[in-house]
PDB file of all heavy atoms in Angstrom:
ATOM      1  N   ASP A   1      64.814 127.493 134.872  1.00  0.00           N
ATOM      2  CA  ASP A   1      64.740 126.082 134.673  1.00  0.00           C
ATOM      3  C   ASP A   1      65.928 125.482 134.013  1.00  0.00           C
ATOM      4  O   ASP A   1      66.349 124.329 134.379  1.00  0.00           O
ATOM      5  CB  ASP A   1      63.454 125.791 133.676  1.00  0.00           C
ATOM      6  CG  ASP A   1      63.165 124.215 133.482  1.00  0.00           C
ATOM      7  OD1 ASP A   1      62.914 123.762 134.612  1.00  0.00           O
ATOM      8  OD2 ASP A   1      63.136 123.837 132.320  1.00  0.00           O
ATOM      9  N   ALA A   2      66.667 126.023 133.183  1.00  0.00           N
ATOM     10  CA  ALA A   2      67.881 125.627 132.541  1.00  0.00           C
ATOM     11  C   ALA A   2      68.930 125.419 133.672  1.00  0.00           C
ATOM     12  O   ALA A   2      69.654 124.545 133.507  1.00  0.00           O
ATOM     13  CB  ALA A   2      68.335 126.593 131.372  1.00  0.00           C
ATOM     14  N   GLN A   3      69.075 126.425 134.581  1.00  0.00           N
ATOM     15  CA  GLN A   3      70.025 126.252 135.536  1.00  0.00           C
ATOM     16  C   GLN A   3      69.750 125.098 136.509  1.00  0.00           C
ATOM     17  O   GLN A   3      70.532 124.294 136.912  1.00  0.00           O
ATOM     18  CB  GLN A   3      69.900 127.635 136.488  1.00  0.00           C
ATOM     19  CG  GLN A   3      70.574 128.821 135.792  1.00  0.00           C
ATOM     20  CD  GLN A   3      70.519 130.040 136.642  1.00  0.00           C
ATOM     21  OE1 GLN A   3      69.483 130.207 137.367  1.00  0.00           O
ATOM     22  NE2 GLN A   3      71.516 130.867 136.743  1.00  0.00           N
ATOM     23  N   ARG A   4      68.351 124.902 136.784  1.00  0.00           N
ATOM     24  CA  ARG A   4      68.044 123.776 137.602  1.00  0.00           C
ATOM     25  C   ARG A   4      68.407 122.451 136.908  1.00  0.00           C
ATOM     26  O   ARG A   4      68.897 121.552 137.545  1.00  0.00           O
ATOM     27  CB  ARG A   4      66.605 123.763 137.816  1.00  0.00           C
ATOM     28  CG  ARG A   4      66.183 122.757 138.994  1.00  0.00           C
ATOM     29  CD  ARG A   4      64.766 123.033 139.451  1.00  0.00           C
ATOM     30  NE  ARG A   4      63.825 122.900 138.287  1.00  0.00           N
ATOM     31  CZ  ARG A   4      62.885 123.793 137.983  1.00  0.00           C
ATOM     32  NH1 ARG A   4      62.850 124.945 138.766  1.00  0.00           N
ATOM     33  NH2 ARG A   4      62.033 123.556 137.030  1.00  0.00           N
ATOM     34  N   ARG A   5      68.181 122.283 135.570  1.00  0.00           N
ATOM     35  CA  ARG A   5      68.459 121.103 134.995  1.00  0.00           C
ATOM     36  C   ARG A   5      69.956 120.889 134.850  1.00  0.00           C
ATOM     37  O   ARG A   5      70.428 119.776 134.850  1.00  0.00           O
ATOM     38  CB  ARG A   5      67.969 121.180 133.604  1.00  0.00           C
ATOM     39  CG  ARG A   5      66.400 121.038 133.351  1.00  0.00           C
ATOM     40  CD  ARG A   5      66.003 120.596 131.990  1.00  0.00           C
ATOM     41  NE  ARG A   5      66.558 121.553 131.013  1.00  0.00           N
ATOM     42  CZ  ARG A   5      65.881 122.720 130.616  1.00  0.00           C
ATOM     43  NH1 ARG A   5      64.723 122.922 131.221  1.00  0.00           N
ATOM     44  NH2 ARG A   5      66.397 123.427 129.761  1.00  0.00           N
ATOM     45  N   ALA A   6      70.831 122.006 134.758  1.00  0.00           N
ATOM     46  CA  ALA A   6      72.195 121.950 134.537  1.00  0.00           C
ATOM     47  C   ALA A   6      72.931 121.513 135.880  1.00  0.00           C
ATOM     48  O   ALA A   6      74.003 120.926 136.041  1.00  0.00           O
ATOM     49  CB  ALA A   6      72.791 123.172 134.010  1.00  0.00           C
ATOM     50  N   ASP A   7      72.351 121.884 137.080  1.00  0.00           N
ATOM     51  CA  ASP A   7      72.965 121.779 138.290  1.00  0.00           C
ATOM     52  C   ASP A   7      71.907 121.426 139.350  1.00  0.00           C
ATOM     53  O   ASP A   7      71.113 122.196 139.760  1.00  0.00           O
ATOM     54  CB  ASP A   7      73.651 123.003 138.696  1.00  0.00           C
ATOM     55  CG  ASP A   7      74.408 122.896 140.074  1.00  0.00           C
ATOM     56  OD1 ASP A   7      74.363 122.044 140.671  1.00  0.00           O
ATOM     57  OD2 ASP A   7      75.341 123.871 140.258  1.00  0.00           O
ATOM     58  N   GLU A   8      71.922 120.207 139.844  1.00  0.00           N
ATOM     59  CA  GLU A   8      70.903 119.634 140.726  1.00  0.00           C
ATOM     60  C   GLU A   8      71.152 120.411 141.986  1.00  0.00           C
ATOM     61  O   GLU A   8      70.128 120.449 142.854  1.00  0.00           O
ATOM     62  CB  GLU A   8      71.130 118.208 140.916  1.00  0.00           C
ATOM     63  CG  GLU A   8      72.418 117.732 141.597  1.00  0.00           C
ATOM     64  CD  GLU A   8      72.558 116.263 141.687  1.00  0.00           C
ATOM     65  OE1 GLU A   8      71.671 115.579 141.258  1.00  0.00           O
ATOM     66  OE2 GLU A   8      73.510 115.829 142.349  1.00  0.00           O
ATOM     67  N   ASN A   9      72.180 121.088 142.315  1.00  0.00           N
ATOM     68  CA  ASN A   9      72.243 121.856 143.581  1.00  0.00           C
ATOM     69  C   ASN A   9      71.450 123.150 143.540  1.00  0.00           C
ATOM     70  O   ASN A   9      71.364 123.808 144.523  1.00  0.00           O
ATOM     71  CB  ASN A   9      73.732 122.247 143.886  1.00  0.00           C
ATOM     72  CG  ASN A   9      74.561 121.047 144.210  1.00  0.00           C
ATOM     73  OD1 ASN A   9      74.004 120.053 144.831  1.00  0.00           O
ATOM     74  ND2 ASN A   9      75.830 120.934 143.733  1.00  0.00           N
ATOM     75  N   LEU A  10      70.932 123.469 142.394  1.00  0.00           N
ATOM     76  CA  LEU A  10      70.093 124.746 142.357  1.00  0.00           C
ATOM     77  C   LEU A  10      68.595 124.469 142.228  1.00  0.00           C
ATOM     78  O   LEU A  10      67.848 125.239 141.817  1.00  0.00           O
ATOM     79  CB  LEU A  10      70.496 125.451 141.053  1.00  0.00           C
ATOM     80  CG  LEU A  10      71.874 125.878 140.959  1.00  0.00           C
ATOM     81  CD1 LEU A  10      72.148 126.676 139.580  1.00  0.00           C
ATOM     82  CD2 LEU A  10      72.198 126.901 142.208  1.00  0.00           C
ATOM     83  N   ASP A  11      68.147 123.264 142.753  1.00  0.00           N
ATOM     84  CA  ASP A  11      66.784 122.882 142.777  1.00  0.00           C
ATOM     85  C   ASP A  11      66.045 123.974 143.593  1.00  0.00           C
ATOM     86  O   ASP A  11      64.697 124.088 143.447  1.00  0.00           O
ATOM     87  CB  ASP A  11      66.515 121.610 143.465  1.00  0.00           C
ATOM     88  CG  ASP A  11      66.872 120.391 142.493  1.00  0.00           C
ATOM     89  OD1 ASP A  11      66.977 120.662 141.374  1.00  0.00           O
ATOM     90  OD2 ASP A  11      66.916 119.286 143.026  1.00  0.00           O
ATOM     91  N   HIS A  12      66.559 124.713 144.558  1.00  0.00           N
ATOM     92  CA  HIS A  12      65.864 125.542 145.327  1.00  0.00           C
ATOM     93  C   HIS A  12      65.571 126.879 144.608  1.00  0.00           C
ATOM     94  O   HIS A  12      64.843 127.727 145.089  1.00  0.00           O
ATOM     95  CB  HIS A  12      66.728 125.865 146.613  1.00  0.00           C
ATOM     96  CG  HIS A  12      68.048 126.486 146.390  1.00  0.00           C
ATOM     97  ND1 HIS A  12      69.071 125.702 146.172  1.00  0.00           N
ATOM     98  CD2 HIS A  12      68.381 127.715 146.426  1.00  0.00           C
ATOM     99  CE1 HIS A  12      70.173 126.546 145.970  1.00  0.00           C
ATOM    100  NE2 HIS A  12      69.800 127.757 146.112  1.00  0.00           N
ATOM    101  N   ASP A  13      66.260 127.196 143.457  1.00  0.00           N
ATOM    102  CA  ASP A  13      66.118 128.488 142.891  1.00  0.00           C
ATOM    103  C   ASP A  13      64.708 128.884 142.571  1.00  0.00           C
ATOM    104  O   ASP A  13      64.254 130.056 142.763  1.00  0.00           O
ATOM    105  CB  ASP A  13      66.974 128.631 141.648  1.00  0.00           C
ATOM    106  CG  ASP A  13      68.396 128.896 142.022  1.00  0.00           C
ATOM    107  OD1 ASP A  13      68.669 128.950 143.197  1.00  0.00           O
ATOM    108  OD2 ASP A  13      69.203 129.234 140.984  1.00  0.00           O
ATOM    109  N   SER A  14      63.923 127.934 141.947  1.00  0.00           N
ATOM    110  CA  SER A  14      62.512 128.278 141.584  1.00  0.00           C
ATOM    111  C   SER A  14      61.615 128.687 142.732  1.00  0.00           C
ATOM    112  O   SER A  14      61.102 129.698 142.657  1.00  0.00           O
ATOM    113  CB  SER A  14      61.935 127.147 140.798  1.00  0.00           C
ATOM    114  OG  SER A  14      60.637 127.492 140.351  1.00  0.00           O
ATOM    115  N   PRO A  15      61.540 127.910 143.852  1.00  0.00           N
ATOM    116  CA  PRO A  15      60.661 128.272 144.887  1.00  0.00           C
ATOM    117  C   PRO A  15      61.093 129.578 145.553  1.00  0.00           C
ATOM    118  O   PRO A  15      60.444 130.411 145.947  1.00  0.00           O
ATOM    119  CB  PRO A  15      60.697 127.130 145.868  1.00  0.00           C
ATOM    120  CG  PRO A  15      61.912 126.454 145.429  1.00  0.00           C
ATOM    121  CD  PRO A  15      62.114 126.513 144.017  1.00  0.00           C
ATOM    122  N   LEU A  16      62.507 129.788 145.688  1.00  0.00           N
ATOM    123  CA  LEU A  16      62.971 130.976 146.345  1.00  0.00           C
ATOM    124  C   LEU A  16      62.672 132.206 145.407  1.00  0.00           C
ATOM    125  O   LEU A  16      62.401 133.422 145.938  1.00  0.00           O
ATOM    126  CB  LEU A  16      64.475 130.890 146.516  1.00  0.00           C
ATOM    127  CG  LEU A  16      64.908 129.950 147.596  1.00  0.00           C
ATOM    128  CD1 LEU A  16      66.549 130.100 147.786  1.00  0.00           C
ATOM    129  CD2 LEU A  16      64.213 130.210 148.867  1.00  0.00           C
ATOM    130  N   HIS A  17      62.735 131.994 144.131  1.00  0.00           N
ATOM    131  CA  HIS A  17      62.391 133.129 143.170  1.00  0.00           C
ATOM    132  C   HIS A  17      60.860 133.507 143.350  1.00  0.00           C
ATOM    133  O   HIS A  17      60.513 134.647 143.355  1.00  0.00           O
ATOM    134  CB  HIS A  17      62.703 132.740 141.694  1.00  0.00           C
ATOM    135  CG  HIS A  17      62.595 133.892 140.803  1.00  0.00           C
ATOM    136  ND1 HIS A  17      61.484 133.991 139.991  1.00  0.00           N
ATOM    137  CD2 HIS A  17      63.350 134.907 140.505  1.00  0.00           C
ATOM    138  CE1 HIS A  17      61.587 135.056 139.176  1.00  0.00           C
ATOM    139  NE2 HIS A  17      62.676 135.693 139.467  1.00  0.00           N
ATOM    140  N   GLU A  18      60.079 132.537 143.357  1.00  0.00           N
ATOM    141  CA  GLU A  18      58.626 132.693 143.458  1.00  0.00           C
ATOM    142  C   GLU A  18      58.323 133.412 144.809  1.00  0.00           C
ATOM    143  O   GLU A  18      57.529 134.333 144.902  1.00  0.00           O
ATOM    144  CB  GLU A  18      57.822 131.408 143.443  1.00  0.00           C
ATOM    145  CG  GLU A  18      57.866 130.834 142.025  1.00  0.00           C
ATOM    146  CD  GLU A  18      57.076 129.529 141.991  1.00  0.00           C
ATOM    147  OE1 GLU A  18      56.426 129.247 142.912  1.00  0.00           O
ATOM    148  OE2 GLU A  18      57.003 128.960 140.935  1.00  0.00           O
ATOM    149  N   LEU A  19      59.016 133.009 145.878  1.00  0.00           N
ATOM    150  CA  LEU A  19      58.877 133.652 147.198  1.00  0.00           C
ATOM    151  C   LEU A  19      59.253 135.161 147.127  1.00  0.00           C
ATOM    152  O   LEU A  19      58.584 136.076 147.552  1.00  0.00           O
ATOM    153  CB  LEU A  19      59.681 133.022 148.322  1.00  0.00           C
ATOM    154  CG  LEU A  19      59.648 133.723 149.529  1.00  0.00           C
ATOM    155  CD1 LEU A  19      58.269 133.785 150.124  1.00  0.00           C
ATOM    156  CD2 LEU A  19      60.528 132.836 150.605  1.00  0.00           C
ATOM    157  N   PHE A  20      60.328 135.495 146.369  1.00  0.00           N
ATOM    158  CA  PHE A  20      60.875 136.824 146.241  1.00  0.00           C
ATOM    159  C   PHE A  20      59.741 137.644 145.478  1.00  0.00           C
ATOM    160  O   PHE A  20      59.419 138.791 145.913  1.00  0.00           O
ATOM    161  CB  PHE A  20      62.161 136.731 145.441  1.00  0.00           C
ATOM    162  CG  PHE A  20      62.710 138.211 145.137  1.00  0.00           C
ATOM    163  CD1 PHE A  20      63.220 138.947 146.055  1.00  0.00           C
ATOM    164  CD2 PHE A  20      62.710 138.627 143.785  1.00  0.00           C
ATOM    165  CE1 PHE A  20      63.720 140.225 145.782  1.00  0.00           C
ATOM    166  CE2 PHE A  20      63.279 139.802 143.425  1.00  0.00           C
ATOM    167  CZ  PHE A  20      63.790 140.644 144.392  1.00  0.00           C
ATOM    168  N   GLU A  21      59.081 137.058 144.472  1.00  0.00           N
ATOM    169  CA  GLU A  21      58.082 137.800 143.787  1.00  0.00           C
ATOM    170  C   GLU A  21      56.956 137.997 144.645  1.00  0.00           C
ATOM    171  O   GLU A  21      56.210 139.111 144.544  1.00  0.00           O
ATOM    172  CB  GLU A  21      57.917 136.963 142.521  1.00  0.00           C
ATOM    173  CG  GLU A  21      59.017 136.938 141.454  1.00  0.00           C
ATOM    174  CD  GLU A  21      58.527 136.069 140.255  1.00  0.00           C
ATOM    175  OE1 GLU A  21      57.556 135.288 140.288  1.00  0.00           O
ATOM    176  OE2 GLU A  21      59.276 136.203 139.214  1.00  0.00           O
ATOM    177  N   ASP A  22      56.541 136.971 145.308  1.00  0.00           N
ATOM    178  CA  ASP A  22      55.341 137.154 146.202  1.00  0.00           C
ATOM    179  C   ASP A  22      55.513 138.277 147.346  1.00  0.00           C
ATOM    180  O   ASP A  22      54.528 138.927 147.666  1.00  0.00           O
ATOM    181  CB  ASP A  22      55.022 135.718 146.856  1.00  0.00           C
ATOM    182  CG  ASP A  22      54.338 134.790 145.947  1.00  0.00           C
ATOM    183  OD1 ASP A  22      54.081 135.160 144.785  1.00  0.00           O
ATOM    184  OD2 ASP A  22      54.057 133.708 146.421  1.00  0.00           O
ATOM    185  N   GLN A  23      56.730 138.388 147.810  1.00  0.00           N
ATOM    186  CA  GLN A  23      56.957 139.388 148.857  1.00  0.00           C
ATOM    187  C   GLN A  23      56.933 140.768 148.285  1.00  0.00           C
ATOM    188  O   GLN A  23      56.379 141.705 148.893  1.00  0.00           O
ATOM    189  CB  GLN A  23      58.307 139.211 149.385  1.00  0.00           C
ATOM    190  CG  GLN A  23      58.428 137.913 150.345  1.00  0.00           C
ATOM    191  CD  GLN A  23      59.709 137.679 150.866  1.00  0.00           C
ATOM    192  OE1 GLN A  23      60.728 138.228 150.420  1.00  0.00           O
ATOM    193  NE2 GLN A  23      59.761 136.771 151.922  1.00  0.00           N
ATOM    194  N   LEU A  24      57.344 140.862 147.036  1.00  0.00           N
ATOM    195  CA  LEU A  24      57.110 142.138 146.234  1.00  0.00           C
ATOM    196  C   LEU A  24      55.604 142.364 145.730  1.00  0.00           C
ATOM    197  O   LEU A  24      55.248 143.545 145.823  1.00  0.00           O
ATOM    198  CB  LEU A  24      58.101 142.113 144.999  1.00  0.00           C
ATOM    199  CG  LEU A  24      59.600 142.189 145.344  1.00  0.00           C
ATOM    200  CD1 LEU A  24      60.434 142.134 143.908  1.00  0.00           C
ATOM    201  CD2 LEU A  24      59.956 143.510 146.054  1.00  0.00           C
ATOM    202  N   ALA A  25      55.063 141.430 145.385  1.00  0.00           N
ATOM    203  CA  ALA A  25      53.610 141.607 144.882  1.00  0.00           C
ATOM    204  C   ALA A  25      52.724 142.123 145.871  1.00  0.00           C
ATOM    205  O   ALA A  25      51.630 142.809 145.626  1.00  0.00           O
ATOM    206  CB  ALA A  25      53.183 140.221 144.372  1.00  0.00           C
ATOM    207  N   THR A  26      52.945 141.772 147.312  1.00  0.00           N
ATOM    208  CA  THR A  26      52.189 142.334 148.390  1.00  0.00           C
ATOM    209  C   THR A  26      52.675 143.637 148.925  1.00  0.00           C
ATOM    210  O   THR A  26      52.105 143.981 150.002  1.00  0.00           O
ATOM    211  CB  THR A  26      52.156 141.247 149.438  1.00  0.00           C
ATOM    212  OG1 THR A  26      53.506 140.892 149.838  1.00  0.00           O
ATOM    213  CG2 THR A  26      51.398 139.991 148.875  1.00  0.00           C
ATOM    214  N   ALA A  27      53.661 144.214 148.513  1.00  0.00           N
ATOM    215  CA  ALA A  27      54.327 145.356 149.103  1.00  0.00           C
ATOM    216  C   ALA A  27      53.659 146.560 148.818  1.00  0.00           C
ATOM    217  O   ALA A  27      53.128 146.949 147.835  1.00  0.00           O
ATOM    218  CB  ALA A  27      55.967 145.360 148.625  1.00  0.00           C
ATOM    219  N   ASP A  28      53.615 147.463 149.887  1.00  0.00           N
ATOM    220  CA  ASP A  28      53.296 148.850 149.806  1.00  0.00           C
ATOM    221  C   ASP A  28      54.443 149.843 149.704  1.00  0.00           C
ATOM    222  O   ASP A  28      54.307 150.868 149.132  1.00  0.00           O
ATOM    223  CB  ASP A  28      52.409 149.349 150.878  1.00  0.00           C
ATOM    224  CG  ASP A  28      51.029 148.397 151.046  1.00  0.00           C
ATOM    225  OD1 ASP A  28      50.109 148.729 150.202  1.00  0.00           O
ATOM    226  OD2 ASP A  28      51.041 147.587 151.867  1.00  0.00           O
TER     227      ASP A  28
END
């Protein structure tokens, strides 16, 4: 969140990070 506030070009970081976590949460 601090990165996102500091740099508007990083708005995508949060959803991409959640996607990364979701792909791991479903992994065998």
